[in-house]
Structures are given as structure tokens and as C-alpha cells.
């Protein structure tokens, strides 16, 4: 796969995770998204899709570290920081 294909597949699994959260009625937060992507990666049988889930997790974590916001500050290994908010 090319780098473009890798990025495209990462975007696809990110979208699938968001749609799954919406269909389950779960709140959409960076933390719920990371958790859903982790669950998807564990259950994924195809290595390239598992890697795409991991890349999507890294992308969400990187955006949290770059832009501390209403969700609280993100520290790697700390899935739900104090002061984090859940929104729909």
C-alpha cells in the first residue's frame, strides 16, 4: 500500500468508529473514539486494518496533545483525564 492508501484507510476506520458510536447512541468524545478504535483493533483480523486502527488512535491522541481543550489535557496512558467532559 502507498502512504496515500494508508492515510485513506485510516480515515475510513476513523469514520467507521464514529458511525458505530452514533448508532450505539454513545457520546462522541476523543476518548470514546479512542476506546472504540481500540476495540475495533482488537477484533480486527486483517493486519492492514488493525494497523489503520492504530494509526487512527495515534492521530486522535496527537490532536488532543496539540490542542488542550474542554476535554482536559491528554497524557499518553491516561485515557480519561480529570476535568474531561463528555458531549454528544
C-alpha atoms as a PDB file:
ATOM      1  CA  UNK A   1       0.000   0.000   0.000  1.00  0.00           C
ATOM      2  CA  UNK A   2       1.102   3.539  -0.639  1.00  0.00           C
ATOM      3  CA  UNK A   3       1.201   6.203   2.023  1.00  0.00           C
ATOM      4  CA  UNK A   4      -1.930   7.732   0.445  1.00  0.00           C
ATOM      5  CA  UNK A   5      -3.739   4.385   0.730  1.00  0.00           C
ATOM      6  CA  UNK A   6      -2.649   4.032   4.360  1.00  0.00           C
ATOM      7  CA  UNK A   7      -3.995   7.503   5.180  1.00  0.00           C
ATOM      8  CA  UNK A   8      -7.220   6.820   3.318  1.00  0.00           C
ATOM      9  CA  UNK A   9      -7.787   3.546   5.192  1.00  0.00           C
ATOM     10  CA  UNK A  10      -7.028   5.333   8.489  1.00  0.00           C
ATOM     11  CA  UNK A  11      -9.715   7.898   7.629  1.00  0.00           C
ATOM     12  CA  UNK A  12     -12.140   5.099   6.729  1.00  0.00           C
ATOM     13  CA  UNK A  13     -11.729   3.248  10.044  1.00  0.00           C
ATOM     14  CA  UNK A  14     -11.991   6.567  11.888  1.00  0.00           C
ATOM     15  CA  UNK A  15     -15.307   7.178  10.140  1.00  0.00           C
ATOM     16  CA  UNK A  16     -16.475   3.643  10.906  1.00  0.00           C
ATOM     17  CA  UNK A  17     -15.706   4.192  14.595  1.00  0.00           C
ATOM     18  CA  UNK A  18     -17.667   7.453  14.627  1.00  0.00           C
ATOM     19  CA  UNK A  19     -20.633   5.834  12.881  1.00  0.00           C
ATOM     20  CA  UNK A  20     -20.552   2.929  15.348  1.00  0.00           C
ATOM     21  CA  UNK A  21     -20.632   5.345  18.304  1.00  0.00           C
ATOM     22  CA  UNK A  22     -23.535   7.233  16.744  1.00  0.00           C
ATOM     23  CA  UNK A  23     -25.524   4.083  16.013  1.00  0.00           C
ATOM     24  CA  UNK A  24     -24.963   2.872  19.587  1.00  0.00           C
ATOM     25  CA  UNK A  25     -26.101   6.222  20.977  1.00  0.00           C
ATOM     26  CA  UNK A  26     -22.788   6.700  22.762  1.00  0.00           C
ATOM     27  CA  UNK A  27     -21.315  10.153  23.348  1.00  0.00           C
ATOM     28  CA  UNK A  28     -18.809  11.335  20.759  1.00  0.00           C
ATOM     29  CA  UNK A  29     -15.634  12.445  22.506  1.00  0.00           C
ATOM     30  CA  UNK A  30     -11.984  11.940  21.651  1.00  0.00           C
ATOM     31  CA  UNK A  31     -11.816   9.414  24.491  1.00  0.00           C
ATOM     32  CA  UNK A  32     -14.839   7.394  23.385  1.00  0.00           C
ATOM     33  CA  UNK A  33     -13.418   7.433  19.865  1.00  0.00           C
ATOM     34  CA  UNK A  34     -10.053   6.115  21.073  1.00  0.00           C
ATOM     35  CA  UNK A  35     -11.811   3.409  23.076  1.00  0.00           C
ATOM     36  CA  UNK A  36     -13.927   2.353  20.065  1.00  0.00           C
ATOM     37  CA  UNK A  37     -10.846   2.253  17.822  1.00  0.00           C
ATOM     38  CA  UNK A  38      -9.036   0.102  20.400  1.00  0.00           C
ATOM     39  CA  UNK A  39     -11.948  -2.341  20.436  1.00  0.00           C
ATOM     40  CA  UNK A  40     -12.008  -2.399  16.640  1.00  0.00           C
ATOM     41  CA  UNK A  41      -8.253  -3.080  16.504  1.00  0.00           C
ATOM     42  CA  UNK A  42      -8.524  -5.987  18.949  1.00  0.00           C
ATOM     43  CA  UNK A  43     -11.321  -7.639  16.987  1.00  0.00           C
ATOM     44  CA  UNK A  44      -9.849  -6.925  13.536  1.00  0.00           C
ATOM     45  CA  UNK A  45      -8.467  -9.969  11.733  1.00  0.00           C
ATOM     46  CA  UNK A  46      -6.799  -8.189   8.801  1.00  0.00           C
ATOM     47  CA  UNK A  47      -3.369  -6.819   9.721  1.00  0.00           C
ATOM     48  CA  UNK A  48      -3.629  -3.767   7.456  1.00  0.00           C
ATOM     49  CA  UNK A  49      -6.952  -2.727   9.043  1.00  0.00           C
ATOM     50  CA  UNK A  50      -5.562  -3.346  12.536  1.00  0.00           C
ATOM     51  CA  UNK A  51      -2.683  -1.022  11.627  1.00  0.00           C
ATOM     52  CA  UNK A  52      -5.158   1.560  10.318  1.00  0.00           C
ATOM     53  CA  UNK A  53      -6.976   1.460  13.684  1.00  0.00           C
ATOM     54  CA  UNK A  54      -3.666   2.004  15.476  1.00  0.00           C
ATOM     55  CA  UNK A  55      -2.832   4.908  13.150  1.00  0.00           C
ATOM     56  CA  UNK A  56      -6.251   6.456  13.802  1.00  0.00           C
ATOM     57  CA  UNK A  57      -5.717   6.165  17.575  1.00  0.00           C
ATOM     58  CA  UNK A  58      -2.355   7.910  17.242  1.00  0.00           C
ATOM     59  CA  UNK A  59      -3.971  10.630  15.120  1.00  0.00           C
ATOM     60  CA  UNK A  60      -6.680  11.315  17.729  1.00  0.00           C
ATOM     61  CA  UNK A  61      -4.138  11.275  20.582  1.00  0.00           C
ATOM     62  CA  UNK A  62      -1.847  13.650  18.672  1.00  0.00           C
ATOM     63  CA  UNK A  63      -4.669  16.106  18.101  1.00  0.00           C
ATOM     64  CA  UNK A  64      -5.503  16.017  21.806  1.00  0.00           C
ATOM     65  CA  UNK A  65      -1.901  16.702  22.823  1.00  0.00           C
ATOM     66  CA  UNK A  66      -1.605  19.536  20.292  1.00  0.00           C
ATOM     67  CA  UNK A  67      -4.825  21.277  21.327  1.00  0.00           C
ATOM     68  CA  UNK A  68      -5.733  21.025  25.010  1.00  0.00           C
ATOM     69  CA  UNK A  69      -9.392  21.907  25.194  1.00  0.00           C
ATOM     70  CA  UNK A  70     -12.617  21.420  27.091  1.00  0.00           C
ATOM     71  CA  UNK A  71     -11.762  17.720  27.314  1.00  0.00           C
ATOM     72  CA  UNK A  72      -8.860  18.354  29.666  1.00  0.00           C
ATOM     73  CA  UNK A  73      -5.216  17.777  28.880  1.00  0.00           C
ATOM     74  CA  UNK A  74      -4.274  14.421  27.426  1.00  0.00           C
ATOM     75  CA  UNK A  75      -1.353  12.433  28.721  1.00  0.00           C
ATOM     76  CA  UNK A  76      -0.417   9.171  26.972  1.00  0.00           C
ATOM     77  CA  UNK A  77      -1.643   6.243  29.047  1.00  0.00           C
ATOM     78  CA  UNK A  78      -4.305   8.370  30.747  1.00  0.00           C
ATOM     79  CA  UNK A  79      -7.455   7.608  28.775  1.00  0.00           C
ATOM     80  CA  UNK A  80      -9.845   9.836  30.725  1.00  0.00           C
ATOM     81  CA  UNK A  81      -8.061  12.822  32.280  1.00  0.00           C
ATOM     82  CA  UNK A  82      -9.573  14.693  35.170  1.00  0.00           C
ATOM     83  CA  UNK A  83     -11.644  17.613  34.032  1.00  0.00           C
ATOM     84  CA  UNK A  84     -12.719  15.850  30.856  1.00  0.00           C
ATOM     85  CA  UNK A  85     -16.234  16.433  29.559  1.00  0.00           C
ATOM     86  CA  UNK A  86     -18.474  14.055  27.657  1.00  0.00           C
ATOM     87  CA  UNK A  87     -20.528  15.609  24.875  1.00  0.00           C
ATOM     88  CA  UNK A  88     -22.997  14.183  22.377  1.00  0.00           C
END
